Amino acid sequence: MLTGVTFSLALFIAPDAQASTYTVKHGDTLTKIAKAHNTTINQLRQWNKLSQDRIFIAQKLVVAPAKNAVSKTAAATKTVATKTTAVSVVEEKVETLQIAVSHTVIKGDNLTKIAKKYSISVASIKQLNNLKTDAIKVGQKLTISQQSTKDLAVEAPSAKTVEAEINFNQTADDAIEKQLKKEVAMPGKVSQQTERLYAQAIETANAVLGTPYKYGGTTTDGFDCSGFVNYIFNSVGIQMDRKSSLMYFEQDTTKVTQPVPGDLVFFKNTFIPNVSHMGIYIGNDEFIHAGSKGITVSNVKEKYWDERFVAYKRINNLK
């Protein structure tokens, strides 16, 4: 399960008109791309203004600059360095491990639809899951790929220290808007039972403030953003399967007209142009979440979060 994708602060630029570019495909890494184009990772980082090695599918990377672009690149690098001097984003390295990216089949799914969603072939899914036919069933978990966390940075920044803006070549805004439009908003008021569970959840969340960030973490040894929400809600009796922020957004939650403390809040574009971060709303525009400095409280109105805010939502089985 893609349980907590990592944060990457990368300033993406439009490639020079004369530069050679490459479009990132499923399974690509900077190491693989650098080798294929007879260059180095450091050069790819410099040409594309990448702060670390995280890349995403369909991203266009400059793999060989135009001859007249050398001086432009140097000037751009200097500008970025100046702008980010005060930006103290934690890019702690996490130990290498293999994470199985998986998908739980829901009603209406088929292999073609799932393959398209994850930019992978039907044949690859069948091979990874030892499927002899295209038949799948609701609730079945399908392995999509294996990803190594080597050299990936932590998931989310501390909004108070982030001033640089991320400009993506493409976003998933249309898909996000489509998802929200098809949802019938839940009322702002919740039942006494849910209000009681929410109060317990916030109390439990406050009790683990300062717990360190851990990629894929779901315990008090360390959390990522979705792992933190999963742990807190399950601790107070709100049953949640372990999923990523995007999966919770698409599959398990519904938008609310007016959020109450305990509802969820979702953000986009923290490392990919889609829903990629979540937290628990605690009132007064504040939310508690697993950021790069661990479990902390942030404000939705802070510049970083305000620009990436998507929606407040509620778990579907809560009233």
C-alpha atoms as a PDB file:
ATOM      1  CA  MET A   1       0.000   0.000   0.000  1.00  0.00           C
ATOM      2  CA  LEU A   2       1.308   3.442  -0.834  1.00  0.00           C
ATOM      3  CA  THR A   3       1.214   4.605   2.721  1.00  0.00           C
ATOM      4  CA  GLY A   4       3.061   7.839   2.915  1.00  0.00           C
ATOM      5  CA  VAL A   5       4.721   9.226  -0.121  1.00  0.00           C
ATOM      6  CA  THR A   6       7.584  11.533   0.605  1.00  0.00           C
ATOM      7  CA  PHE A   7       7.935  15.283   0.395  1.00  0.00           C
ATOM      8  CA  SER A   8      10.150  16.879  -2.198  1.00  0.00           C
ATOM      9  CA  LEU A   9      10.718  20.634  -2.530  1.00  0.00           C
ATOM     10  CA  ALA A  10      11.528  20.981  -6.229  1.00  0.00           C
ATOM     11  CA  LEU A  11      11.288  24.095  -8.381  1.00  0.00           C
ATOM     12  CA  PHE A  12      10.271  22.807 -11.786  1.00  0.00           C
ATOM     13  CA  ILE A  13      11.016  24.975 -14.800  1.00  0.00           C
ATOM     14  CA  ALA A  14       9.918  24.877 -18.396  1.00  0.00           C
ATOM     15  CA  PRO A  15      12.725  23.396 -20.480  1.00  0.00           C
ATOM     16  CA  ASP A  16      14.730  25.678 -22.787  1.00  0.00           C
ATOM     17  CA  ALA A  17      13.321  25.619 -26.300  1.00  0.00           C
ATOM     18  CA  GLN A  18      16.600  24.259 -27.667  1.00  0.00           C
ATOM     19  CA  ALA A  19      17.328  21.879 -24.819  1.00  0.00           C
ATOM     20  CA  SER A  20      16.966  18.108 -25.041  1.00  0.00           C
ATOM     21  CA  THR A  21      14.198  16.852 -22.767  1.00  0.00           C
ATOM     22  CA  TYR A  22      12.911  13.534 -21.480  1.00  0.00           C
ATOM     23  CA  THR A  23       9.448  12.669 -20.138  1.00  0.00           C
ATOM     24  CA  VAL A  24       9.543  10.587 -16.953  1.00  0.00           C
ATOM     25  CA  LYS A  25       7.933   7.153 -17.195  1.00  0.00           C
ATOM     26  CA  HIS A  26       6.841   4.621 -14.579  1.00  0.00           C
ATOM     27  CA  GLY A  27       9.889   3.062 -12.898  1.00  0.00           C
ATOM     28  CA  ASP A  28      12.318   5.861 -13.811  1.00  0.00           C
ATOM     29  CA  THR A  29      14.868   7.245 -11.362  1.00  0.00           C
ATOM     30  CA  LEU A  30      17.402  10.052 -11.760  1.00  0.00           C
ATOM     31  CA  THR A  31      20.157   7.441 -11.752  1.00  0.00           C
ATOM     32  CA  LYS A  32      18.517   5.528 -14.599  1.00  0.00           C
ATOM     33  CA  ILE A  33      17.818   8.686 -16.626  1.00  0.00           C
ATOM     34  CA  ALA A  34      21.333  10.068 -16.108  1.00  0.00           C
ATOM     35  CA  LYS A  35      22.895   6.802 -17.292  1.00  0.00           C
ATOM     36  CA  ALA A  36      20.648   6.632 -20.361  1.00  0.00           C
ATOM     37  CA  HIS A  37      21.592  10.160 -21.415  1.00  0.00           C
ATOM     38  CA  ASN A  38      25.310  10.021 -20.570  1.00  0.00           C
ATOM     39  CA  THR A  39      25.099  12.646 -17.874  1.00  0.00           C
ATOM     40  CA  THR A  40      25.182  12.808 -14.066  1.00  0.00           C
ATOM     41  CA  ILE A  41      22.554  13.124 -11.343  1.00  0.00           C
ATOM     42  CA  ASN A  42      24.084  16.418 -10.215  1.00  0.00           C
ATOM     43  CA  GLN A  43      23.754  17.849 -13.733  1.00  0.00           C
ATOM     44  CA  LEU A  44      20.114  16.757 -13.931  1.00  0.00           C
ATOM     45  CA  ARG A  45      19.440  18.398 -10.579  1.00  0.00           C
ATOM     46  CA  GLN A  46      21.093  21.645 -11.721  1.00  0.00           C
ATOM     47  CA  TRP A  47      19.398  21.799 -15.129  1.00  0.00           C
ATOM     48  CA  ASN A  48      15.968  21.100 -13.642  1.00  0.00           C
ATOM     49  CA  LYS A  49      16.362  22.957 -10.343  1.00  0.00           C
ATOM     50  CA  LEU A  50      15.719  19.824  -8.267  1.00  0.00           C
ATOM     51  CA  SER A  51      16.493  20.027  -4.556  1.00  0.00           C
ATOM     52  CA  GLN A  52      16.713  16.213  -4.327  1.00  0.00           C
ATOM     53  CA  ASP A  53      16.049  13.052  -6.279  1.00  0.00           C
ATOM     54  CA  ARG A  54      12.233  12.764  -6.207  1.00  0.00           C
ATOM     55  CA  ILE A  55      10.600  12.868  -9.673  1.00  0.00           C
ATOM     56  CA  PHE A  56       7.088  12.070 -10.882  1.00  0.00           C
ATOM     57  CA  ILE A  57       5.496  10.401 -13.895  1.00  0.00           C
ATOM     58  CA  ALA A  58       4.988  12.689 -16.948  1.00  0.00           C
ATOM     59  CA  GLN A  59       7.444  15.282 -15.609  1.00  0.00           C
ATOM     60  CA  LYS A  60       9.633  16.748 -18.377  1.00  0.00           C
ATOM     61  CA  LEU A  61      13.325  16.856 -17.487  1.00  0.00           C
ATOM     62  CA  VAL A  62      16.102  18.683 -19.301  1.00  0.00           C
ATOM     63  CA  VAL A  63      18.723  16.017 -20.061  1.00  0.00           C
ATOM     64  CA  ALA A  64      21.035  18.202 -22.172  1.00  0.00           C
ATOM     65  CA  PRO A  65      20.905  22.018 -22.074  1.00  0.00           C
ATOM     66  CA  ALA A  66      21.081  24.260 -25.116  1.00  0.00           C
ATOM     67  CA  LYS A  67      24.548  25.547 -25.907  1.00  0.00           C
ATOM     68  CA  ASN A  68      23.523  29.102 -25.081  1.00  0.00           C
ATOM     69  CA  ALA A  69      21.839  28.071 -21.838  1.00  0.00           C
ATOM     70  CA  VAL A  70      24.961  27.666 -19.673  1.00  0.00           C
ATOM     71  CA  SER A  71      25.020  31.262 -18.480  1.00  0.00           C
ATOM     72  CA  LYS A  72      21.223  31.204 -17.979  1.00  0.00           C
ATOM     73  CA  THR A  73      21.500  28.085 -15.834  1.00  0.00           C
ATOM     74  CA  ALA A  74      24.193  29.645 -13.671  1.00  0.00           C
ATOM     75  CA  ALA A  75      22.112  32.797 -13.184  1.00  0.00           C
ATOM     76  CA  ALA A  76      18.982  30.781 -12.363  1.00  0.00           C
ATOM     77  CA  THR A  77      20.895  28.676  -9.841  1.00  0.00           C
ATOM     78  CA  LYS A  78      22.110  31.830  -8.105  1.00  0.00           C
ATOM     79  CA  THR A  79      18.557  33.230  -7.982  1.00  0.00           C
ATOM     80  CA  VAL A  80      17.137  30.043  -6.490  1.00  0.00           C
ATOM     81  CA  ALA A  81      19.918  29.937  -3.895  1.00  0.00           C
ATOM     82  CA  THR A  82      19.077  33.501  -2.850  1.00  0.00           C
ATOM     83  CA  LYS A  83      15.351  32.832  -2.607  1.00  0.00           C
ATOM     84  CA  THR A  84      15.790  29.677  -0.566  1.00  0.00           C
ATOM     85  CA  THR A  85      18.419  30.883   1.898  1.00  0.00           C
ATOM     86  CA  ALA A  86      15.781  31.210   4.625  1.00  0.00           C
ATOM     87  CA  VAL A  87      14.022  27.997   3.719  1.00  0.00           C
ATOM     88  CA  SER A  88      14.862  25.341   6.284  1.00  0.00           C
ATOM     89  CA  VAL A  89      13.049  22.336   4.832  1.00  0.00           C
ATOM     90  CA  VAL A  90      14.136  19.140   6.497  1.00  0.00           C
ATOM     91  CA  GLU A  91      15.273  16.585   3.921  1.00  0.00           C
ATOM     92  CA  GLU A  92      16.230  13.810   6.264  1.00  0.00           C
ATOM     93  CA  LYS A  93      17.253  10.592   4.553  1.00  0.00           C
ATOM     94  CA  VAL A  94      15.398   7.442   5.467  1.00  0.00           C
ATOM     95  CA  GLU A  95      16.874   3.986   5.374  1.00  0.00           C
ATOM     96  CA  THR A  96      16.411   1.902   2.253  1.00  0.00           C
ATOM     97  CA  LEU A  97      13.486  -0.506   2.282  1.00  0.00           C
ATOM     98  CA  GLN A  98      11.084  -1.971  -0.231  1.00  0.00           C
ATOM     99  CA  ILE A  99       7.504  -0.688  -0.149  1.00  0.00           C
ATOM    100  CA  ALA A 100       4.853  -2.613  -2.067  1.00  0.00           C
ATOM    101  CA  VAL A 101       2.560  -0.195  -3.839  1.00  0.00           C
ATOM    102  CA  SER A 102      -0.860  -1.824  -3.967  1.00  0.00           C
ATOM    103  CA  HIS A 103      -4.464  -1.144  -4.892  1.00  0.00           C
ATOM    104  CA  THR A 104      -7.592  -2.488  -3.223  1.00  0.00           C
ATOM    105  CA  VAL A 105     -10.204  -3.313  -5.841  1.00  0.00           C
ATOM    106  CA  ILE A 106     -13.467  -1.385  -5.511  1.00  0.00           C
ATOM    107  CA  LYS A 107     -16.779  -1.700  -7.322  1.00  0.00           C
ATOM    108  CA  GLY A 108     -16.408  -0.727 -10.983  1.00  0.00           C
ATOM    109  CA  ASP A 109     -12.684  -1.484 -11.161  1.00  0.00           C
ATOM    110  CA  ASN A 110     -11.102  -3.516 -13.929  1.00  0.00           C
ATOM    111  CA  LEU A 111      -7.465  -4.130 -14.805  1.00  0.00           C
ATOM    112  CA  THR A 112      -7.488  -1.583 -17.623  1.00  0.00           C
ATOM    113  CA  LYS A 113      -8.834   1.150 -15.345  1.00  0.00           C
ATOM    114  CA  ILE A 114      -6.362   0.310 -12.572  1.00  0.00           C
ATOM    115  CA  ALA A 115      -3.429   0.153 -15.002  1.00  0.00           C
ATOM    116  CA  LYS A 116      -4.292   3.588 -16.369  1.00  0.00           C
ATOM    117  CA  LYS A 117      -4.552   5.067 -12.877  1.00  0.00           C
ATOM    118  CA  TYR A 118      -1.046   3.931 -11.922  1.00  0.00           C
ATOM    119  CA  SER A 119       0.556   4.378 -15.375  1.00  0.00           C
ATOM    120  CA  ILE A 120       1.422   0.708 -15.641  1.00  0.00           C
ATOM    121  CA  SER A 121       0.473  -1.994 -18.141  1.00  0.00           C
ATOM    122  CA  VAL A 122      -2.202  -4.627 -17.568  1.00  0.00           C
ATOM    123  CA  ALA A 123       0.423  -7.265 -18.326  1.00  0.00           C
ATOM    124  CA  SER A 124       2.655  -5.928 -15.543  1.00  0.00           C
ATOM    125  CA  ILE A 125      -0.173  -6.050 -13.010  1.00  0.00           C
ATOM    126  CA  LYS A 126      -0.998  -9.622 -14.017  1.00  0.00           C
ATOM    127  CA  GLN A 127       2.655 -10.623 -13.732  1.00  0.00           C
ATOM    128  CA  LEU A 128       3.109  -8.981 -10.315  1.00  0.00           C
ATOM    129  CA  ASN A 129      -0.006 -10.714  -8.986  1.00  0.00           C
ATOM    130  CA  ASN A 130       0.324 -14.051 -10.796  1.00  0.00           C
ATOM    131  CA  LEU A 131      -3.038 -13.523 -12.497  1.00  0.00           C
ATOM    132  CA  LYS A 132      -3.911 -15.995 -15.246  1.00  0.00           C
ATOM    133  CA  THR A 133      -6.973 -14.010 -16.403  1.00  0.00           C
ATOM    134  CA  ASP A 134      -8.283 -10.455 -16.142  1.00  0.00           C
ATOM    135  CA  ALA A 135     -10.845 -11.431 -13.507  1.00  0.00           C
ATOM    136  CA  ILE A 136     -10.619  -9.494 -10.216  1.00  0.00           C
ATOM    137  CA  LYS A 137     -13.023  -9.073  -7.294  1.00  0.00           C
ATOM    138  CA  VAL A 138     -14.007  -6.277  -4.924  1.00  0.00           C
ATOM    139  CA  GLY A 139     -11.720  -6.164  -1.877  1.00  0.00           C
ATOM    140  CA  GLN A 140      -8.854  -7.930  -3.638  1.00  0.00           C
ATOM    141  CA  LYS A 141      -5.462  -6.296  -3.062  1.00  0.00           C
ATOM    142  CA  LEU A 142      -3.302  -6.001  -6.156  1.00  0.00           C
ATOM    143  CA  THR A 143       0.418  -5.283  -6.054  1.00  0.00           C
ATOM    144  CA  ILE A 144       1.168  -2.449  -8.456  1.00  0.00           C
ATOM    145  CA  SER A 145       4.939  -2.105  -8.099  1.00  0.00           C
ATOM    146  CA  GLN A 146       7.872  -2.243  -5.726  1.00  0.00           C
ATOM    147  CA  GLN A 147       9.521   1.033  -4.744  1.00  0.00           C
ATOM    148  CA  SER A 148      12.742   1.634  -2.878  1.00  0.00           C
ATOM    149  CA  THR A 149      12.841   4.508  -0.436  1.00  0.00           C
ATOM    150  CA  LYS A 150      16.574   5.007  -0.853  1.00  0.00           C
ATOM    151  CA  ASP A 151      17.515   8.680  -1.132  1.00  0.00           C
ATOM    152  CA  LEU A 152      13.933   9.909  -0.731  1.00  0.00           C
ATOM    153  CA  ALA A 153      13.204  12.869   1.524  1.00  0.00           C
ATOM    154  CA  VAL A 154      10.495  13.093   4.148  1.00  0.00           C
ATOM    155  CA  GLU A 155       6.896  13.770   3.234  1.00  0.00           C
ATOM    156  CA  ALA A 156       5.874  17.253   4.274  1.00  0.00           C
ATOM    157  CA  PRO A 157       7.563  20.553   5.158  1.00  0.00           C
ATOM    158  CA  SER A 158       7.071  22.868   8.070  1.00  0.00           C
ATOM    159  CA  ALA A 159       4.886  25.559   6.498  1.00  0.00           C
ATOM    160  CA  LYS A 160       6.304  28.376   8.625  1.00  0.00           C
ATOM    161  CA  THR A 161       9.763  27.952   7.076  1.00  0.00           C
ATOM    162  CA  VAL A 162       8.782  27.442   3.455  1.00  0.00           C
ATOM    163  CA  GLU A 163       8.799  30.478   1.174  1.00  0.00           C
ATOM    164  CA  ALA A 164       9.721  28.969  -2.176  1.00  0.00           C
ATOM    165  CA  GLU A 165       6.866  28.154  -4.535  1.00  0.00           C
ATOM    166  CA  ILE A 166       6.530  24.921  -6.489  1.00  0.00           C
ATOM    167  CA  ASN A 167       5.425  25.382 -10.081  1.00  0.00           C
ATOM    168  CA  PHE A 168       4.391  22.085 -11.650  1.00  0.00           C
ATOM    169  CA  ASN A 169       4.243  21.482 -15.387  1.00  0.00           C
ATOM    170  CA  GLN A 170       0.917  19.761 -14.884  1.00  0.00           C
ATOM    171  CA  THR A 171      -1.553  19.290 -12.061  1.00  0.00           C
ATOM    172  CA  ALA A 172      -4.417  17.009 -11.181  1.00  0.00           C
ATOM    173  CA  ASP A 173      -6.773  19.911 -10.438  1.00  0.00           C
ATOM    174  CA  ASP A 174      -9.364  18.693 -12.940  1.00  0.00           C
ATOM    175  CA  ALA A 175      -9.452  15.227 -11.359  1.00  0.00           C
ATOM    176  CA  ILE A 176      -9.675  16.706  -7.865  1.00  0.00           C
ATOM    177  CA  GLU A 177     -12.508  19.022  -8.889  1.00  0.00           C
ATOM    178  CA  LYS A 178     -14.353  16.163 -10.585  1.00  0.00           C
ATOM    179  CA  GLN A 179     -14.112  14.065  -7.422  1.00  0.00           C
ATOM    180  CA  LEU A 180     -15.439  16.869  -5.211  1.00  0.00           C
ATOM    181  CA  LYS A 181     -18.297  17.710  -7.593  1.00  0.00           C
ATOM    182  CA  LYS A 182     -19.681  14.197  -7.519  1.00  0.00           C
ATOM    183  CA  GLU A 183     -19.803  14.157  -3.707  1.00  0.00           C
ATOM    184  CA  VAL A 184     -22.894  15.279  -1.809  1.00  0.00           C
ATOM    185  CA  ALA A 185     -21.556  17.416   1.007  1.00  0.00           C
ATOM    186  CA  MET A 186     -22.061  16.225   4.567  1.00  0.00           C
ATOM    187  CA  PRO A 187     -23.587  18.700   7.044  1.00  0.00           C
ATOM    188  CA  GLY A 188     -21.364  20.651   9.377  1.00  0.00           C
ATOM    189  CA  LYS A 189     -22.931  19.198  12.513  1.00  0.00           C
ATOM    190  CA  VAL A 190     -22.018  15.688  13.660  1.00  0.00           C
ATOM    191  CA  SER A 191     -23.751  13.259  15.995  1.00  0.00           C
ATOM    192  CA  GLN A 192     -22.910  13.207  19.691  1.00  0.00           C
ATOM    193  CA  GLN A 193     -21.174   9.869  19.206  1.00  0.00           C
ATOM    194  CA  THR A 194     -18.925  11.215  16.448  1.00  0.00           C
ATOM    195  CA  GLU A 195     -18.290  14.393  18.428  1.00  0.00           C
ATOM    196  CA  ARG A 196     -17.156  12.244  21.363  1.00  0.00           C
ATOM    197  CA  LEU A 197     -14.890  10.114  19.130  1.00  0.00           C
ATOM    198  CA  TYR A 198     -13.427  13.240  17.543  1.00  0.00           C
ATOM    199  CA  ALA A 199     -12.631  14.719  20.961  1.00  0.00           C
ATOM    200  CA  GLN A 200     -10.838  11.505  21.921  1.00  0.00           C
ATOM    201  CA  ALA A 201      -8.974  11.528  18.608  1.00  0.00           C
ATOM    202  CA  ILE A 202      -7.710  15.088  19.101  1.00  0.00           C
ATOM    203  CA  GLU A 203      -6.682  14.299  22.678  1.00  0.00           C
ATOM    204  CA  THR A 204      -4.782  11.220  21.467  1.00  0.00           C
ATOM    205  CA  ALA A 205      -3.157  13.219  18.669  1.00  0.00           C
ATOM    206  CA  ASN A 206      -1.983  15.949  21.056  1.00  0.00           C
ATOM    207  CA  ALA A 207      -0.486  13.276  23.289  1.00  0.00           C
ATOM    208  CA  VAL A 208       1.928  12.246  20.523  1.00  0.00           C
ATOM    209  CA  LEU A 209       3.050  15.745  19.495  1.00  0.00           C
ATOM    210  CA  GLY A 210       6.750  15.696  18.665  1.00  0.00           C
ATOM    211  CA  THR A 211       6.771  12.047  17.571  1.00  0.00           C
ATOM    212  CA  PRO A 212       9.325  11.868  14.721  1.00  0.00           C
ATOM    213  CA  TYR A 213       8.492  11.495  11.072  1.00  0.00           C
ATOM    214  CA  LYS A 214       9.002   7.999   9.665  1.00  0.00           C
ATOM    215  CA  TYR A 215       8.300   7.001   6.097  1.00  0.00           C
ATOM    216  CA  GLY A 216       5.491   4.442   6.147  1.00  0.00           C
ATOM    217  CA  GLY A 217       5.254   4.797   9.929  1.00  0.00           C
ATOM    218  CA  THR A 218       2.057   3.844  11.750  1.00  0.00           C
ATOM    219  CA  THR A 219       3.223   3.654  15.373  1.00  0.00           C
ATOM    220  CA  THR A 220       4.547   5.978  18.073  1.00  0.00           C
ATOM    221  CA  ASP A 221       8.050   5.109  16.879  1.00  0.00           C
ATOM    222  CA  GLY A 222       7.291   7.396  13.923  1.00  0.00           C
ATOM    223  CA  PHE A 223       4.478   8.384  11.535  1.00  0.00           C
ATOM    224  CA  ASP A 224       3.935   9.588   8.017  1.00  0.00           C
ATOM    225  CA  CYS A 225       0.854  11.732   7.362  1.00  0.00           C
ATOM    226  CA  SER A 226      -1.663   9.038   6.441  1.00  0.00           C
ATOM    227  CA  GLY A 227      -0.169   6.596   8.938  1.00  0.00           C
ATOM    228  CA  PHE A 228      -0.696   9.164  11.687  1.00  0.00           C
ATOM    229  CA  VAL A 229      -4.381   9.675  10.840  1.00  0.00           C
ATOM    230  CA  ASN A 230      -4.871   5.916  10.545  1.00  0.00           C
ATOM    231  CA  TYR A 231      -3.293   5.321  13.966  1.00  0.00           C
ATOM    232  CA  ILE A 232      -5.249   8.063  15.738  1.00  0.00           C
ATOM    233  CA  PHE A 233      -8.647   7.144  14.344  1.00  0.00           C
ATOM    234  CA  ASN A 234      -8.239   3.428  14.906  1.00  0.00           C
ATOM    235  CA  SER A 235      -7.058   4.127  18.465  1.00  0.00           C
ATOM    236  CA  VAL A 236     -10.423   5.672  19.341  1.00  0.00           C
ATOM    237  CA  GLY A 237     -12.587   3.126  17.508  1.00  0.00           C
ATOM    238  CA  ILE A 238     -12.955   4.766  14.078  1.00  0.00           C
ATOM    239  CA  GLN A 239     -12.027   1.901  11.769  1.00  0.00           C
ATOM    240  CA  MET A 240      -9.781   2.829   8.838  1.00  0.00           C
ATOM    241  CA  ASP A 241      -7.783   0.631   6.482  1.00  0.00           C
ATOM    242  CA  ARG A 242      -4.202   1.708   5.903  1.00  0.00           C
ATOM    243  CA  LYS A 243      -4.098   3.844   2.755  1.00  0.00           C
ATOM    244  CA  SER A 244      -2.380   6.856   1.226  1.00  0.00           C
ATOM    245  CA  SER A 245      -3.712  10.412   1.456  1.00  0.00           C
ATOM    246  CA  LEU A 246      -4.902  10.224  -2.156  1.00  0.00           C
ATOM    247  CA  MET A 247      -6.745   6.955  -1.544  1.00  0.00           C
ATOM    248  CA  TYR A 248      -8.466   8.316   1.560  1.00  0.00           C
ATOM    249  CA  PHE A 249      -9.467  11.390  -0.465  1.00  0.00           C
ATOM    250  CA  GLU A 250     -10.869   9.405  -3.396  1.00  0.00           C
ATOM    251  CA  GLN A 251     -12.316   6.335  -1.705  1.00  0.00           C
ATOM    252  CA  ASP A 252     -13.195   6.840   1.944  1.00  0.00           C
ATOM    253  CA  THR A 253     -14.219  10.439   2.589  1.00  0.00           C
ATOM    254  CA  THR A 254     -16.848  13.020   1.640  1.00  0.00           C
ATOM    255  CA  LYS A 255     -16.552  16.809   1.621  1.00  0.00           C
ATOM    256  CA  VAL A 256     -18.204  18.760   4.431  1.00  0.00           C
ATOM    257  CA  THR A 257     -20.008  22.117   4.307  1.00  0.00           C
ATOM    258  CA  GLN A 258     -18.468  23.353   7.563  1.00  0.00           C
ATOM    259  CA  PRO A 259     -15.631  21.384   9.206  1.00  0.00           C
ATOM    260  CA  VAL A 260     -15.762  20.481  12.868  1.00  0.00           C
ATOM    261  CA  PRO A 261     -12.718  19.627  14.994  1.00  0.00           C
ATOM    262  CA  GLY A 262     -11.846  16.043  14.127  1.00  0.00           C
ATOM    263  CA  ASP A 263     -12.645  16.211  10.418  1.00  0.00           C
ATOM    264  CA  LEU A 264      -9.852  15.624   7.933  1.00  0.00           C
ATOM    265  CA  VAL A 265      -8.101  18.251   5.829  1.00  0.00           C
ATOM    266  CA  PHE A 266      -6.382  17.472   2.513  1.00  0.00           C
ATOM    267  CA  PHE A 267      -3.648  19.223   0.538  1.00  0.00           C
ATOM    268  CA  LYS A 268      -2.182  18.868  -2.943  1.00  0.00           C
ATOM    269  CA  ASN A 269       1.130  19.516  -4.704  1.00  0.00           C
ATOM    270  CA  THR A 270       3.423  18.859  -1.752  1.00  0.00           C
ATOM    271  CA  PHE A 271       5.488  16.472  -3.866  1.00  0.00           C
ATOM    272  CA  ILE A 272       3.267  15.433  -6.777  1.00  0.00           C
ATOM    273  CA  PRO A 273       0.542  17.386  -8.607  1.00  0.00           C
ATOM    274  CA  ASN A 274      -2.278  15.626  -6.769  1.00  0.00           C
ATOM    275  CA  VAL A 275      -3.658  15.120  -3.262  1.00  0.00           C
ATOM    276  CA  SER A 276      -0.562  14.178  -1.303  1.00  0.00           C
ATOM    277  CA  HIS A 277      -0.909  15.259   2.337  1.00  0.00           C
ATOM    278  CA  MET A 278      -3.548  15.122   5.068  1.00  0.00           C
ATOM    279  CA  GLY A 279      -4.101  16.009   8.689  1.00  0.00           C
ATOM    280  CA  ILE A 280      -6.747  16.275  11.410  1.00  0.00           C
ATOM    281  CA  TYR A 281      -8.540  19.620  11.769  1.00  0.00           C
ATOM    282  CA  ILE A 282      -8.547  20.849  15.376  1.00  0.00           C
ATOM    283  CA  GLY A 283     -10.395  24.173  14.994  1.00  0.00           C
ATOM    284  CA  ASN A 284      -9.420  27.829  14.526  1.00  0.00           C
ATOM    285  CA  ASP A 285      -7.888  27.046  11.106  1.00  0.00           C
ATOM    286  CA  GLU A 286      -5.356  24.714  12.736  1.00  0.00           C
ATOM    287  CA  PHE A 287      -4.635  21.072  12.002  1.00  0.00           C
ATOM    288  CA  ILE A 288      -2.352  18.434  13.492  1.00  0.00           C
ATOM    289  CA  HIS A 289      -0.312  16.293  11.137  1.00  0.00           C
ATOM    290  CA  ALA A 290       2.909  14.399  10.494  1.00  0.00           C
ATOM    291  CA  GLY A 291       5.329  16.855   8.889  1.00  0.00           C
ATOM    292  CA  SER A 292       9.053  16.802   8.307  1.00  0.00           C
ATOM    293  CA  LYS A 293       9.653  17.723  11.953  1.00  0.00           C
ATOM    294  CA  GLY A 294       7.297  15.058  13.216  1.00  0.00           C
ATOM    295  CA  ILE A 295       3.822  15.465  14.668  1.00  0.00           C
ATOM    296  CA  THR A 296       3.119  19.177  14.766  1.00  0.00           C
ATOM    297  CA  VAL A 297       0.317  21.732  14.571  1.00  0.00           C
ATOM    298  CA  SER A 298       0.073  24.037  11.537  1.00  0.00           C
ATOM    299  CA  ASN A 299      -2.342  26.673  10.293  1.00  0.00           C
ATOM    300  CA  VAL A 300      -4.329  26.236   7.086  1.00  0.00           C
ATOM    301  CA  LYS A 301      -3.986  29.961   6.398  1.00  0.00           C
ATOM    302  CA  GLU A 302      -0.184  29.871   6.352  1.00  0.00           C
ATOM    303  CA  LYS A 303       1.121  30.626   2.856  1.00  0.00           C
ATOM    304  CA  TYR A 304       2.374  27.124   2.064  1.00  0.00           C
ATOM    305  CA  TRP A 305      -0.754  25.305   3.197  1.00  0.00           C
ATOM    306  CA  ASP A 306      -3.195  27.919   1.913  1.00  0.00           C
ATOM    307  CA  GLU A 307      -1.808  27.569  -1.618  1.00  0.00           C
ATOM    308  CA  ARG A 308      -2.149  23.773  -1.475  1.00  0.00           C
ATOM    309  CA  PHE A 309      -5.446  23.441   0.388  1.00  0.00           C
ATOM    310  CA  VAL A 310      -7.982  21.100  -1.257  1.00  0.00           C
ATOM    311  CA  ALA A 311     -10.884  20.399   1.092  1.00  0.00           C
ATOM    312  CA  TYR A 312     -12.157  19.405   4.502  1.00  0.00           C
ATOM    313  CA  LYS A 313     -13.673  15.922   4.441  1.00  0.00           C
ATOM    314  CA  ARG A 314     -15.175  13.282   6.736  1.00  0.00           C
ATOM    315  CA  ILE A 315     -14.896   9.509   6.860  1.00  0.00           C
ATOM    316  CA  ASN A 316     -17.952   8.133   5.059  1.00  0.00           C
ATOM    317  CA  ASN A 317     -19.236   5.973   7.911  1.00  0.00           C
ATOM    318  CA  LEU A 318     -19.335   8.862  10.388  1.00  0.00           C
ATOM    319  CA  LYS A 319     -22.512  10.862  10.889  1.00  0.00           C
END
